[in-house]
Amino acid sequence: MVSSKADRLYNISRRTFLGGTALVVVPVLCGGCATDKTVMVDLPSVVNNAIVIRLDDFPMLVEVGGSLLGKVAGRADPIIIARVDDGRFVAVDALCTHQQCTVAYNALGQTFDCPCHDSSYEIDGRVIGGPAPRPLRTYSAQSDGTSLTIAFP
C-alpha cells in the first residue's frame, strides 16, 4: 500500500495520542489540584492578644462563604478566617494536625478540608474525617459589622 505525504504527517502512535490527550484532559478534570492557588495575606500584629481587621480591607470576607488565609505578624502559623453566615465568622489554625498541610475552607459544606490526606474539620475545629489526630485550634472571632476582632489565648 502506498501512503501519501499527508498520511505520513498525521500518523501517530496510540502511546503518543494517549499521552497528548492526558496532558489536556487531566488538568481539566483535576481543576488545578496539583497547584496551590491560595494566596497568603498579611494580617496585623497581635496587640493585647488580639488582631483587629477592617472588613473593607479584605473583600473576600464581605460575602457569606468568603474566606482568607492569613499570616499574623509575630505568630508562627497561619490562620484561616471564614464568614459562615451574615453575622458570624470563624478563625482557626490553618495547618492540618496530621502532617501540617494547609487546609482550605469549603463554603458549601462549611468545613475545613486538607488537600493532602483528606482530613476534614467542622467549623468549630472538630475532626470529622481522615487521619487528623487532633482538632484545629479555634479563636474567638467577633464582628461589629465594619471590623473583625480575633482573640488569641
N, C-alpha and C. Protein backbone atom coordinates (compact mmCIF):
# COMPACT_ATOMS: atom_id res chain seq x y z
N MET A 1 0.85 -1.17 0.00
CA MET A 1 0.00 0.00 0.00
C MET A 1 0.90 1.24 0.00
N VAL A 2 0.60 2.16 -0.84
CA VAL A 2 1.38 3.38 -0.95
C VAL A 2 0.68 4.47 -0.16
N SER A 3 1.43 5.14 0.72
CA SER A 3 0.83 6.21 1.51
C SER A 3 1.31 7.55 1.00
N SER A 4 0.44 8.51 1.12
CA SER A 4 0.78 9.86 0.67
C SER A 4 1.56 10.59 1.76
N LYS A 5 2.15 11.72 1.39
CA LYS A 5 2.88 12.55 2.34
C LYS A 5 1.97 13.01 3.48
N ALA A 6 0.72 13.35 3.17
CA ALA A 6 -0.25 13.80 4.18
C ALA A 6 -0.54 12.69 5.18
N ASP A 7 -0.66 11.44 4.71
CA ASP A 7 -0.91 10.32 5.61
C ASP A 7 0.24 10.15 6.60
N ARG A 8 1.48 10.32 6.13
CA ARG A 8 2.64 10.16 7.00
C ARG A 8 2.72 11.28 8.03
N LEU A 9 2.29 12.48 7.68
CA LEU A 9 2.34 13.61 8.61
C LEU A 9 1.37 13.43 9.78
N TYR A 10 0.25 12.80 9.57
CA TYR A 10 -0.77 12.67 10.60
C TYR A 10 -0.85 11.29 11.22
N ASN A 11 0.12 10.46 10.96
CA ASN A 11 0.15 9.12 11.52
C ASN A 11 0.87 9.18 12.87
N ILE A 12 0.13 8.95 13.96
CA ILE A 12 0.75 8.95 15.29
C ILE A 12 0.44 7.64 15.99
N SER A 13 1.30 7.29 16.92
CA SER A 13 1.10 6.04 17.65
C SER A 13 0.02 6.22 18.72
N ARG A 14 -0.51 5.11 19.18
CA ARG A 14 -1.50 5.13 20.25
C ARG A 14 -0.91 5.76 21.51
N ARG A 15 0.35 5.43 21.83
CA ARG A 15 1.01 5.97 23.02
C ARG A 15 1.13 7.50 22.92
N THR A 16 1.51 8.01 21.77
CA THR A 16 1.62 9.46 21.59
C THR A 16 0.26 10.12 21.72
N PHE A 17 -0.75 9.51 21.12
CA PHE A 17 -2.10 10.07 21.20
C PHE A 17 -2.60 10.11 22.65
N LEU A 18 -2.47 8.99 23.36
CA LEU A 18 -2.95 8.95 24.74
C LEU A 18 -2.16 9.87 25.65
N GLY A 19 -0.85 9.95 25.45
CA GLY A 19 -0.04 10.85 26.24
C GLY A 19 -0.42 12.31 26.02
N GLY A 20 -0.62 12.69 24.77
CA GLY A 20 -1.03 14.06 24.46
C GLY A 20 -2.41 14.37 24.99
N THR A 21 -3.31 13.41 24.91
CA THR A 21 -4.67 13.61 25.43
C THR A 21 -4.65 13.77 26.94
N ALA A 22 -3.83 12.99 27.63
CA ALA A 22 -3.74 13.09 29.08
C ALA A 22 -3.24 14.46 29.51
N LEU A 23 -2.34 15.05 28.74
CA LEU A 23 -1.83 16.38 29.08
C LEU A 23 -2.93 17.43 29.04
N VAL A 24 -3.97 17.19 28.25
CA VAL A 24 -5.08 18.13 28.14
C VAL A 24 -6.19 17.78 29.13
N VAL A 25 -6.55 16.51 29.22
CA VAL A 25 -7.72 16.08 29.99
C VAL A 25 -7.47 16.10 31.49
N VAL A 26 -6.33 15.61 31.96
CA VAL A 26 -6.08 15.50 33.40
C VAL A 26 -6.15 16.86 34.10
N PRO A 27 -5.48 17.91 33.60
CA PRO A 27 -5.61 19.20 34.29
C PRO A 27 -7.04 19.74 34.32
N VAL A 28 -7.80 19.47 33.29
CA VAL A 28 -9.19 19.93 33.26
C VAL A 28 -10.01 19.20 34.32
N LEU A 29 -9.86 17.88 34.40
CA LEU A 29 -10.60 17.09 35.39
C LEU A 29 -10.15 17.42 36.80
N CYS A 30 -8.88 17.65 36.97
CA CYS A 30 -8.33 17.91 38.29
C CYS A 30 -8.64 19.32 38.77
N GLY A 31 -8.87 20.23 37.86
CA GLY A 31 -9.16 21.60 38.25
C GLY A 31 -7.96 22.29 38.89
N GLY A 32 -6.77 21.90 38.49
CA GLY A 32 -5.57 22.53 39.04
C GLY A 32 -5.19 21.98 40.40
N CYS A 33 -5.58 20.74 40.71
CA CYS A 33 -5.33 20.21 42.04
C CYS A 33 -3.85 20.07 42.36
N ALA A 34 -3.02 20.05 41.36
CA ALA A 34 -1.59 19.90 41.62
C ALA A 34 -0.93 21.20 42.06
N THR A 35 -1.64 22.31 41.94
CA THR A 35 -1.05 23.58 42.33
C THR A 35 -1.90 24.23 43.39
N ASP A 36 -1.26 24.91 44.31
CA ASP A 36 -1.97 25.61 45.37
C ASP A 36 -2.17 27.04 44.95
N LYS A 37 -3.43 27.43 44.72
CA LYS A 37 -3.73 28.77 44.25
C LYS A 37 -4.10 29.70 45.39
N THR A 38 -4.01 29.23 46.61
CA THR A 38 -4.35 30.05 47.76
C THR A 38 -3.26 31.08 47.99
N VAL A 39 -3.69 32.30 48.18
CA VAL A 39 -2.75 33.40 48.42
C VAL A 39 -2.77 33.72 49.91
N MET A 40 -1.60 33.83 50.49
CA MET A 40 -1.47 34.19 51.90
C MET A 40 -1.46 35.71 51.99
N VAL A 41 -2.34 36.26 52.83
CA VAL A 41 -2.37 37.71 53.03
C VAL A 41 -1.74 38.04 54.38
N ASP A 42 -1.17 39.22 54.45
CA ASP A 42 -0.59 39.68 55.71
C ASP A 42 -1.68 40.29 56.57
N LEU A 43 -1.70 39.90 57.83
CA LEU A 43 -2.65 40.42 58.80
C LEU A 43 -1.90 41.27 59.82
N PRO A 44 -2.63 42.10 60.57
CA PRO A 44 -1.96 42.97 61.55
C PRO A 44 -1.26 42.17 62.65
N SER A 45 -0.42 42.87 63.38
CA SER A 45 0.25 42.30 64.54
C SER A 45 -0.74 42.13 65.69
N VAL A 46 -0.42 41.20 66.56
CA VAL A 46 -1.23 40.98 67.75
C VAL A 46 -0.98 42.11 68.75
N VAL A 47 -2.05 42.71 69.23
CA VAL A 47 -1.99 43.74 70.27
C VAL A 47 -2.99 43.34 71.34
N ASN A 48 -2.54 43.22 72.56
CA ASN A 48 -3.40 42.78 73.67
C ASN A 48 -4.09 41.46 73.36
N ASN A 49 -3.32 40.52 72.82
CA ASN A 49 -3.80 39.16 72.50
C ASN A 49 -4.90 39.13 71.45
N ALA A 50 -4.95 40.11 70.56
CA ALA A 50 -5.98 40.11 69.52
C ALA A 50 -5.48 40.89 68.30
N ILE A 51 -6.11 40.61 67.17
CA ILE A 51 -5.92 41.43 65.98
C ILE A 51 -7.28 42.01 65.61
N VAL A 52 -7.25 43.18 65.02
CA VAL A 52 -8.47 43.83 64.54
C VAL A 52 -8.25 44.15 63.07
N ILE A 53 -9.15 43.64 62.22
CA ILE A 53 -9.04 43.93 60.80
C ILE A 53 -10.31 44.62 60.33
N ARG A 54 -10.13 45.59 59.44
CA ARG A 54 -11.28 46.26 58.82
C ARG A 54 -11.79 45.37 57.69
N LEU A 55 -13.08 45.09 57.71
CA LEU A 55 -13.64 44.21 56.69
C LEU A 55 -13.51 44.81 55.29
N ASP A 56 -13.55 46.15 55.18
CA ASP A 56 -13.39 46.79 53.88
C ASP A 56 -12.02 46.51 53.27
N ASP A 57 -11.02 46.22 54.10
CA ASP A 57 -9.68 45.93 53.61
C ASP A 57 -9.53 44.50 53.09
N PHE A 58 -10.52 43.66 53.36
CA PHE A 58 -10.46 42.25 52.95
C PHE A 58 -11.77 41.87 52.27
N PRO A 59 -11.92 42.21 50.99
CA PRO A 59 -13.18 41.98 50.27
C PRO A 59 -13.61 40.52 50.24
N MET A 60 -12.66 39.59 50.42
CA MET A 60 -13.02 38.17 50.41
C MET A 60 -13.86 37.78 51.63
N LEU A 61 -13.95 38.66 52.63
CA LEU A 61 -14.76 38.37 53.82
C LEU A 61 -16.10 39.11 53.82
N VAL A 62 -16.39 39.86 52.77
CA VAL A 62 -17.62 40.64 52.72
C VAL A 62 -18.84 39.73 52.53
N GLU A 63 -18.73 38.72 51.68
CA GLU A 63 -19.84 37.83 51.37
C GLU A 63 -19.80 36.57 52.23
N VAL A 64 -20.99 36.05 52.56
CA VAL A 64 -21.08 34.76 53.24
C VAL A 64 -20.41 33.71 52.36
N GLY A 65 -19.57 32.88 52.97
CA GLY A 65 -18.83 31.85 52.23
C GLY A 65 -17.42 32.27 51.91
N GLY A 66 -17.12 33.55 52.08
CA GLY A 66 -15.78 34.04 51.80
C GLY A 66 -14.80 33.64 52.88
N SER A 67 -13.55 33.55 52.51
CA SER A 67 -12.52 33.18 53.49
C SER A 67 -11.18 33.74 53.04
N LEU A 68 -10.25 33.72 53.97
CA LEU A 68 -8.88 34.12 53.63
C LEU A 68 -7.91 33.32 54.46
N LEU A 69 -6.73 33.13 53.89
CA LEU A 69 -5.61 32.51 54.57
C LEU A 69 -4.67 33.65 54.92
N GLY A 70 -4.35 33.80 56.20
CA GLY A 70 -3.56 34.94 56.60
C GLY A 70 -2.42 34.61 57.52
N LYS A 71 -1.39 35.42 57.42
CA LYS A 71 -0.23 35.33 58.30
C LYS A 71 -0.28 36.50 59.26
N VAL A 72 -0.42 36.18 60.54
CA VAL A 72 -0.47 37.20 61.59
C VAL A 72 0.96 37.54 61.98
N ALA A 73 1.28 38.82 61.91
CA ALA A 73 2.63 39.27 62.26
C ALA A 73 2.95 38.85 63.70
N GLY A 74 4.08 38.18 63.87
CA GLY A 74 4.50 37.74 65.19
C GLY A 74 4.03 36.36 65.59
N ARG A 75 3.25 35.70 64.76
CA ARG A 75 2.79 34.33 65.05
C ARG A 75 3.39 33.39 64.01
N ALA A 76 3.75 32.19 64.45
CA ALA A 76 4.42 31.24 63.56
C ALA A 76 3.49 30.66 62.48
N ASP A 77 2.29 30.27 62.87
CA ASP A 77 1.41 29.56 61.93
C ASP A 77 0.33 30.46 61.36
N PRO A 78 -0.05 30.20 60.11
CA PRO A 78 -1.13 30.98 59.50
C PRO A 78 -2.49 30.59 60.08
N ILE A 79 -3.48 31.44 59.84
CA ILE A 79 -4.85 31.15 60.24
C ILE A 79 -5.76 31.27 59.03
N ILE A 80 -6.92 30.65 59.14
CA ILE A 80 -7.97 30.84 58.14
C ILE A 80 -9.13 31.52 58.84
N ILE A 81 -9.64 32.55 58.18
CA ILE A 81 -10.84 33.25 58.66
C ILE A 81 -11.92 33.01 57.62
N ALA A 82 -13.10 32.62 58.07
CA ALA A 82 -14.21 32.36 57.14
C ALA A 82 -15.47 33.04 57.65
N ARG A 83 -16.26 33.54 56.71
CA ARG A 83 -17.57 34.12 57.05
C ARG A 83 -18.60 33.03 56.79
N VAL A 84 -19.15 32.48 57.86
CA VAL A 84 -20.05 31.33 57.73
C VAL A 84 -21.51 31.71 57.58
N ASP A 85 -21.90 32.88 58.06
CA ASP A 85 -23.24 33.42 57.79
C ASP A 85 -23.19 34.93 57.95
N ASP A 86 -24.34 35.60 57.90
CA ASP A 86 -24.35 37.06 57.87
C ASP A 86 -23.56 37.71 59.00
N GLY A 87 -23.69 37.22 60.21
CA GLY A 87 -23.03 37.87 61.33
C GLY A 87 -21.96 37.06 62.01
N ARG A 88 -21.59 35.91 61.43
CA ARG A 88 -20.68 35.02 62.15
C ARG A 88 -19.45 34.68 61.32
N PHE A 89 -18.31 34.85 61.97
CA PHE A 89 -17.02 34.49 61.39
C PHE A 89 -16.39 33.43 62.27
N VAL A 90 -15.54 32.61 61.67
CA VAL A 90 -14.74 31.66 62.44
C VAL A 90 -13.28 31.85 62.05
N ALA A 91 -12.39 31.56 62.99
CA ALA A 91 -10.95 31.63 62.75
C ALA A 91 -10.31 30.40 63.36
N VAL A 92 -9.47 29.73 62.57
CA VAL A 92 -8.80 28.51 63.03
C VAL A 92 -7.35 28.51 62.54
N ASP A 93 -6.52 27.70 63.21
CA ASP A 93 -5.18 27.45 62.68
C ASP A 93 -5.32 26.82 61.31
N ALA A 94 -4.48 27.20 60.38
CA ALA A 94 -4.61 26.74 59.00
C ALA A 94 -3.84 25.46 58.70
N LEU A 95 -3.09 24.94 59.67
CA LEU A 95 -2.29 23.75 59.41
C LEU A 95 -2.98 22.51 59.95
N CYS A 96 -3.15 21.54 59.08
CA CYS A 96 -3.77 20.26 59.45
C CYS A 96 -2.94 19.61 60.56
N THR A 97 -3.62 19.01 61.50
CA THR A 97 -2.93 18.37 62.63
C THR A 97 -2.32 17.03 62.25
N HIS A 98 -2.55 16.57 61.04
CA HIS A 98 -1.97 15.30 60.60
C HIS A 98 -0.52 15.49 60.16
N GLN A 99 -0.31 16.26 59.08
CA GLN A 99 1.06 16.46 58.60
C GLN A 99 1.33 17.90 58.20
N GLN A 100 0.61 18.82 58.80
CA GLN A 100 0.86 20.25 58.66
C GLN A 100 0.63 20.81 57.26
N CYS A 101 -0.22 20.18 56.44
CA CYS A 101 -0.61 20.78 55.16
C CYS A 101 -1.59 21.91 55.46
N THR A 102 -1.70 22.85 54.56
CA THR A 102 -2.60 23.98 54.75
C THR A 102 -4.02 23.59 54.34
N VAL A 103 -4.95 23.71 55.28
CA VAL A 103 -6.34 23.38 55.00
C VAL A 103 -7.00 24.54 54.26
N ALA A 104 -8.13 24.26 53.65
CA ALA A 104 -8.90 25.28 52.93
C ALA A 104 -10.34 25.26 53.42
N TYR A 105 -10.99 26.40 53.37
CA TYR A 105 -12.38 26.48 53.78
C TYR A 105 -13.27 26.03 52.63
N ASN A 106 -14.19 25.12 52.93
CA ASN A 106 -15.18 24.64 51.98
C ASN A 106 -16.50 25.29 52.36
N ALA A 107 -16.88 26.35 51.65
CA ALA A 107 -18.08 27.10 51.99
C ALA A 107 -19.35 26.27 51.80
N LEU A 108 -19.38 25.40 50.82
CA LEU A 108 -20.57 24.58 50.56
C LEU A 108 -20.85 23.66 51.73
N GLY A 109 -19.83 22.97 52.22
CA GLY A 109 -20.01 22.04 53.34
C GLY A 109 -19.77 22.66 54.70
N GLN A 110 -19.32 23.91 54.72
CA GLN A 110 -18.91 24.58 55.94
C GLN A 110 -17.95 23.71 56.75
N THR A 111 -16.87 23.33 56.06
CA THR A 111 -15.82 22.53 56.67
C THR A 111 -14.46 23.10 56.29
N PHE A 112 -13.44 22.69 57.00
CA PHE A 112 -12.06 22.96 56.63
C PHE A 112 -11.49 21.64 56.16
N ASP A 113 -10.98 21.62 54.94
CA ASP A 113 -10.55 20.36 54.33
C ASP A 113 -9.06 20.41 53.98
N CYS A 114 -8.39 19.30 54.25
CA CYS A 114 -6.98 19.18 53.95
C CYS A 114 -6.81 18.50 52.59
N PRO A 115 -6.07 19.13 51.68
CA PRO A 115 -5.90 18.54 50.35
C PRO A 115 -4.89 17.40 50.30
N CYS A 116 -4.10 17.22 51.34
CA CYS A 116 -3.03 16.21 51.31
C CYS A 116 -3.53 14.78 51.57
N HIS A 117 -4.29 14.59 52.65
CA HIS A 117 -4.70 13.24 53.03
C HIS A 117 -6.18 13.17 53.41
N ASP A 118 -6.96 14.14 52.97
CA ASP A 118 -8.42 14.14 53.12
C ASP A 118 -8.93 14.26 54.54
N SER A 119 -8.16 14.85 55.42
CA SER A 119 -8.73 15.16 56.74
C SER A 119 -9.74 16.27 56.55
N SER A 120 -10.77 16.27 57.39
CA SER A 120 -11.81 17.29 57.31
C SER A 120 -12.21 17.68 58.73
N TYR A 121 -12.52 18.96 58.88
CA TYR A 121 -12.84 19.51 60.20
C TYR A 121 -14.13 20.33 60.13
N GLU A 122 -14.91 20.25 61.20
CA GLU A 122 -16.06 21.13 61.35
C GLU A 122 -15.56 22.56 61.54
N ILE A 123 -16.47 23.55 61.43
CA ILE A 123 -16.04 24.93 61.61
C ILE A 123 -15.64 25.22 63.06
N ASP A 124 -15.99 24.34 63.98
CA ASP A 124 -15.53 24.52 65.36
C ASP A 124 -14.20 23.80 65.61
N GLY A 125 -13.58 23.29 64.53
CA GLY A 125 -12.28 22.65 64.62
C GLY A 125 -12.29 21.15 64.82
N ARG A 126 -13.45 20.56 65.16
CA ARG A 126 -13.51 19.10 65.41
C ARG A 126 -13.19 18.30 64.16
N VAL A 127 -12.45 17.22 64.34
CA VAL A 127 -12.13 16.31 63.23
C VAL A 127 -13.38 15.52 62.86
N ILE A 128 -13.71 15.50 61.57
CA ILE A 128 -14.87 14.71 61.12
C ILE A 128 -14.48 13.68 60.07
N GLY A 129 -13.21 13.65 59.67
CA GLY A 129 -12.79 12.64 58.70
C GLY A 129 -11.30 12.68 58.47
N GLY A 130 -10.78 11.55 58.01
CA GLY A 130 -9.37 11.47 57.66
C GLY A 130 -8.48 11.12 58.82
N PRO A 131 -7.18 11.18 58.59
CA PRO A 131 -6.22 10.74 59.60
C PRO A 131 -5.84 11.78 60.65
N ALA A 132 -6.41 12.97 60.61
CA ALA A 132 -6.02 14.01 61.58
C ALA A 132 -6.23 13.51 63.01
N PRO A 133 -5.20 13.63 63.86
CA PRO A 133 -5.30 13.11 65.22
C PRO A 133 -5.93 14.07 66.23
N ARG A 134 -5.94 15.36 65.90
CA ARG A 134 -6.45 16.37 66.84
C ARG A 134 -7.27 17.41 66.10
N PRO A 135 -8.12 18.12 66.82
CA PRO A 135 -8.88 19.21 66.19
C PRO A 135 -7.98 20.40 65.85
N LEU A 136 -8.48 21.26 65.00
CA LEU A 136 -7.80 22.53 64.73
C LEU A 136 -8.05 23.47 65.89
N ARG A 137 -7.06 24.26 66.24
CA ARG A 137 -7.24 25.28 67.28
C ARG A 137 -8.12 26.39 66.71
N THR A 138 -9.11 26.78 67.50
CA THR A 138 -10.02 27.85 67.08
C THR A 138 -9.78 29.10 67.92
N TYR A 139 -10.19 30.22 67.35
CA TYR A 139 -10.02 31.51 68.01
C TYR A 139 -11.35 32.25 67.99
N SER A 140 -11.59 33.04 69.01
CA SER A 140 -12.79 33.86 69.09
C SER A 140 -12.74 34.89 67.97
N ALA A 141 -13.84 35.01 67.22
CA ALA A 141 -13.94 35.98 66.13
C ALA A 141 -15.25 36.75 66.29
N GLN A 142 -15.15 38.04 66.57
CA GLN A 142 -16.32 38.90 66.79
C GLN A 142 -16.30 40.07 65.82
N SER A 143 -17.47 40.34 65.22
CA SER A 143 -17.56 41.45 64.28
C SER A 143 -18.61 42.44 64.72
N ASP A 144 -18.32 43.72 64.48
CA ASP A 144 -19.32 44.79 64.74
C ASP A 144 -19.92 45.28 63.42
N GLY A 145 -19.64 44.58 62.33
CA GLY A 145 -20.16 44.95 61.02
C GLY A 145 -19.15 45.69 60.16
N THR A 146 -18.19 46.34 60.76
CA THR A 146 -17.16 47.05 59.99
C THR A 146 -15.76 46.49 60.25
N SER A 147 -15.58 45.90 61.43
CA SER A 147 -14.28 45.31 61.73
C SER A 147 -14.47 43.94 62.36
N LEU A 148 -13.42 43.19 62.37
CA LEU A 148 -13.42 41.83 62.92
C LEU A 148 -12.28 41.74 63.92
N THR A 149 -12.59 41.28 65.13
CA THR A 149 -11.58 41.10 66.16
C THR A 149 -11.39 39.61 66.39
N ILE A 150 -10.16 39.17 66.29
CA ILE A 150 -9.82 37.77 66.53
C ILE A 150 -8.91 37.75 67.75
N ALA A 151 -9.36 37.01 68.78
CA ALA A 151 -8.61 36.93 70.04
C ALA A 151 -7.79 35.66 70.09
N PHE A 152 -6.57 35.80 70.57
CA PHE A 152 -5.66 34.67 70.74
C PHE A 152 -5.43 34.44 72.23
N PRO A 153 -5.51 33.19 72.68
CA PRO A 153 -5.30 32.90 74.11
C PRO A 153 -3.88 33.16 74.55
